[in-house]
Protein backbone atom coordinates (compact mmCIF):
# COMPACT_ATOMS: atom_id res chain seq x y z
CA MET A 1 7.33 32.42 -19.78
CA THR A 2 7.29 32.57 -16.01
CA ALA A 3 4.29 32.57 -13.71
CA THR A 4 4.76 33.12 -10.03
CA VAL A 5 3.54 31.39 -6.93
CA SER A 6 0.44 32.79 -5.31
CA LEU A 7 0.97 31.62 -1.75
CA PRO A 8 -1.72 32.72 0.65
CA PRO A 9 -0.69 35.83 2.60
CA ALA A 10 -1.64 36.49 6.19
CA SER A 11 -5.16 37.18 4.97
CA GLU A 12 -6.52 34.97 2.19
CA ASP A 13 -8.70 37.78 0.74
CA ARG A 14 -6.14 38.82 -1.92
CA PHE A 15 -6.57 35.54 -3.76
CA THR A 16 -9.74 33.92 -4.93
CA THR A 17 -10.19 30.28 -4.19
CA SER A 18 -10.21 29.59 -7.92
CA SER A 19 -6.88 31.23 -8.80
CA PRO A 20 -4.30 28.49 -9.49
CA ARG A 21 -1.13 28.34 -7.43
CA LEU A 22 1.35 27.79 -10.22
CA SER A 23 5.01 28.30 -11.00
CA LEU A 24 6.33 27.74 -14.53
CA ALA A 25 9.89 27.27 -15.71
CA PRO A 26 11.11 30.07 -17.95
CA ALA A 27 11.30 29.20 -21.63
CA GLY A 28 14.86 28.51 -22.64
CA PRO A 29 17.22 26.26 -24.52
CA ALA A 30 17.94 23.90 -21.61
CA PRO A 31 15.27 21.20 -21.40
CA ALA A 32 14.07 20.62 -17.86
CA LEU A 33 12.52 17.41 -16.63
CA LEU A 34 9.53 19.41 -15.33
CA ASP A 35 7.92 22.46 -16.87
CA GLY A 36 6.63 23.82 -13.60
CA ALA A 37 4.73 23.07 -10.42
CA TRP A 38 1.06 23.31 -9.47
CA TRP A 39 -0.33 23.31 -5.93
CA PRO A 40 -4.06 22.54 -6.12
CA ARG A 41 -6.27 23.55 -3.22
CA SER A 42 -8.01 20.15 -3.06
CA PRO A 43 -7.58 16.63 -4.46
CA ASP A 44 -10.75 17.17 -6.57
CA LEU A 45 -9.39 17.44 -10.11
CA ALA A 46 -12.83 18.25 -11.53
CA ALA A 47 -12.93 21.40 -9.41
CA GLU A 48 -9.25 22.37 -9.77
CA LEU A 49 -8.42 21.65 -13.41
CA PRO A 50 -10.64 24.18 -15.26
CA SER A 51 -8.96 27.26 -13.73
CA LEU A 52 -5.48 25.79 -14.33
CA LEU A 53 -6.21 25.04 -17.99
CA ALA A 54 -7.84 28.42 -18.55
CA LEU A 55 -4.64 30.06 -17.28
CA LEU A 56 -2.31 27.80 -19.34
CA ASP A 57 -4.18 27.92 -22.68
CA PRO A 58 -2.97 31.42 -23.62
CA LEU A 59 0.58 30.57 -22.52
CA TRP A 60 1.03 27.10 -23.99
CA GLY A 61 -1.63 26.81 -26.66
CA ARG A 62 -4.94 25.04 -26.47
CA ILE A 63 -4.64 22.12 -24.05
CA THR A 64 -6.62 19.16 -25.44
CA ARG A 65 -5.74 16.30 -23.07
CA VAL A 66 -4.57 15.83 -19.50
CA THR A 67 -3.31 12.66 -17.85
CA VAL A 68 -2.66 11.98 -14.18
CA ASN A 69 -1.83 9.17 -11.81
CA PRO A 70 -4.86 8.81 -9.49
CA VAL A 71 -2.88 7.94 -6.35
CA HIS A 72 -3.08 11.45 -4.80
CA LEU A 73 -6.02 12.97 -6.70
CA HIS A 74 -9.24 11.36 -5.54
CA VAL A 75 -11.79 12.75 -7.99
CA ILE A 76 -10.76 12.39 -11.62
CA PRO A 77 -13.31 13.31 -14.25
CA ARG A 78 -13.24 11.83 -17.75
CA LYS A 79 -13.51 15.34 -19.18
CA VAL A 80 -13.71 18.96 -18.01
CA ILE A 81 -15.19 22.02 -19.65
CA VAL A 82 -12.70 24.87 -20.12
CA THR A 83 -13.88 28.13 -21.67
CA GLY A 84 -16.72 26.36 -23.48
CA ARG A 85 -14.76 23.38 -24.83
CA VAL A 86 -14.11 19.84 -23.66
CA VAL A 87 -10.69 18.70 -22.44
CA LYS A 88 -10.27 14.94 -22.04
CA VAL A 89 -8.74 13.62 -18.82
CA GLY A 90 -7.12 10.21 -18.53
CA TRP A 91 -5.18 8.37 -15.86
CA PHE A 92 -2.39 5.83 -15.70
CA LEU A 93 -1.23 3.99 -12.59
CA ALA A 94 1.96 2.31 -13.79
CA ASP A 95 3.19 4.64 -16.52
CA GLN A 96 2.92 8.03 -14.86
CA ASP A 97 4.64 9.56 -11.85
CA PRO A 98 2.07 9.91 -9.01
CA HIS A 99 3.08 13.55 -8.49
CA GLU A 100 2.94 14.62 -12.12
CA LEU A 101 0.32 16.08 -14.42
CA LEU A 102 0.86 15.67 -18.17
CA LEU A 103 -0.74 18.30 -20.41
CA VAL A 104 -0.95 17.86 -24.18
CA SER A 105 -1.63 20.55 -26.75
CA TYR A 106 -2.72 19.19 -30.10
CA ARG A 107 -0.49 21.51 -32.14
CA VAL A 108 2.17 22.75 -29.75
CA GLY A 109 3.49 19.88 -27.62
CA ARG A 110 3.36 18.48 -24.11
CA TRP A 111 4.26 19.69 -20.63
CA ASN A 112 4.85 18.00 -17.30
CA LEU A 113 3.84 19.73 -14.07
CA LEU A 114 4.78 18.66 -10.58
CA VAL A 115 1.54 18.29 -8.61
CA ILE A 116 2.11 19.31 -5.01
CA PRO A 117 -0.27 17.52 -2.63
CA PRO A 118 -2.95 19.98 -1.45
CA SER A 119 -2.20 19.35 2.25
CA THR A 120 1.47 20.33 1.89
CA PRO A 121 2.55 23.08 4.32
CA ALA A 122 3.17 26.48 2.69
CA ALA A 123 6.94 26.51 3.28
CA SER A 124 7.39 23.08 1.68
CA ALA A 125 5.05 24.02 -1.17
CA ALA A 126 7.09 27.17 -1.86
CA TRP A 127 10.28 25.08 -2.00
CA LEU A 128 8.58 22.59 -4.34
CA MET A 129 7.28 25.42 -6.56
CA ALA A 130 10.80 26.73 -6.98
CA ALA A 131 12.33 23.28 -7.51
CA GLY A 132 9.61 22.21 -9.97
CA SER A 133 10.10 25.31 -12.10
CA ASP A 134 13.90 25.21 -12.11
CA PRO A 135 14.89 25.29 -15.82
CA LEU A 136 17.92 23.11 -15.06
CA GLY A 137 16.02 20.65 -12.86
CA THR A 138 16.85 16.99 -13.25
CA SER A 139 14.69 15.47 -10.50
CA THR A 140 11.42 13.68 -11.05
CA ALA A 141 8.26 14.95 -9.42
CA SER A 142 8.18 12.15 -6.85
CA ARG A 143 11.85 12.63 -6.01
CA LEU A 144 11.23 16.33 -5.32
CA VAL A 145 8.23 15.57 -3.09
CA ALA A 146 10.31 13.02 -1.15
CA GLU A 147 13.15 15.53 -0.79
CA ALA A 148 10.74 18.18 0.49
CA GLU A 149 9.43 15.68 3.07
CA ASN A 150 12.99 14.90 4.16
CA LEU A 151 13.75 18.61 4.52
CA ARG A 152 10.53 19.15 6.52
CA THR A 153 11.41 16.21 8.82
CA ALA A 154 14.96 17.50 9.32
CA ALA A 155 13.65 20.98 10.13
CA LYS A 156 11.18 19.49 12.63
CA ASP A 157 14.02 17.51 14.26
CA ASP A 158 16.16 20.67 14.41
CA ARG A 159 13.33 22.58 16.10
CA ALA A 160 12.85 19.74 18.61
CA SER A 161 16.59 19.70 19.39
CA GLU A 162 16.60 23.47 19.80
CA ALA A 163 13.61 23.27 22.16
CA VAL A 164 15.46 20.73 24.31
CA TRP A 165 18.55 22.92 24.25
CA ASN A 166 16.57 25.98 25.33
CA SER A 167 14.65 24.10 28.03
CA GLU A 168 17.96 23.06 29.57
CA GLY A 169 19.21 26.62 29.81
CA GLY A 170 21.19 26.50 26.61
CA HIS A 171 23.74 23.96 27.82
CA VAL A 172 24.17 20.27 27.56
CA ALA A 173 22.42 18.44 30.35
CA ASP A 174 24.78 17.14 33.02
CA PRO A 175 25.51 13.51 32.30
CA ALA A 176 25.41 10.86 34.99
CA PRO A 177 28.13 11.32 37.61
CA ARG A 178 31.42 9.92 36.41
CA PRO A 179 33.13 7.27 38.48
CA PRO A 180 36.41 8.42 40.04
CA ILE A 181 39.58 7.76 38.10
CA PRO A 182 41.44 4.89 39.81
CA GLY A 183 44.62 5.93 41.58
CA ALA A 184 43.79 9.62 41.56
CA THR A 185 43.55 11.41 44.87
CA ALA A 186 41.66 14.50 45.53
CA GLY A 187 43.31 17.22 47.48
CA VAL A 188 46.06 19.76 47.35
CA PRO A 189 48.99 18.87 45.11
CA ASN A 190 52.29 18.31 46.87
CA GLN A 191 54.21 21.48 47.39
CA ALA A 192 57.95 21.60 46.85
CA LYS A 193 59.89 21.04 50.13
CA GLY A 194 61.99 23.73 51.63
CA MET A 195 59.67 26.56 51.15
């Protein structure tokens, strides 16, 4: 099953603030390290989790428990109400990737979602959504977030270099004057005699 990213368009009115930004890996024989990626709008899990679970319940079965690492999500409730029922929420500092959300369904299984930090720029979030839902993905959630940060930094450096290039007229700035080569004389080369 595949869900697509709902990145905000030029005008945010197409999407409600409660619709989850989610990308899921397609079901298939190859086990991926991550089952998808989720880009919450805020670090408040109590506000963000109910709409995510309401969307995932029909796809994955009734989610009964969620665990997170609290490093990047500041408000973590002990339970949330989803469509009239209680879903327990737990957290682990040492045993769980700080960028991962673990969802457990009592009868069906478990899933791991990459949690993209809410403040992530849209272009990086789109890359992370695609990478987190790659059915052949072998990277951990934290490794993907670090790679996205490296790509964003490299792109920023490229833009800065291009700005310098353009501000200099599109050519390399003239270096400091070179010292003359010893023994070389400037002037007209010797012409052959007898002409």
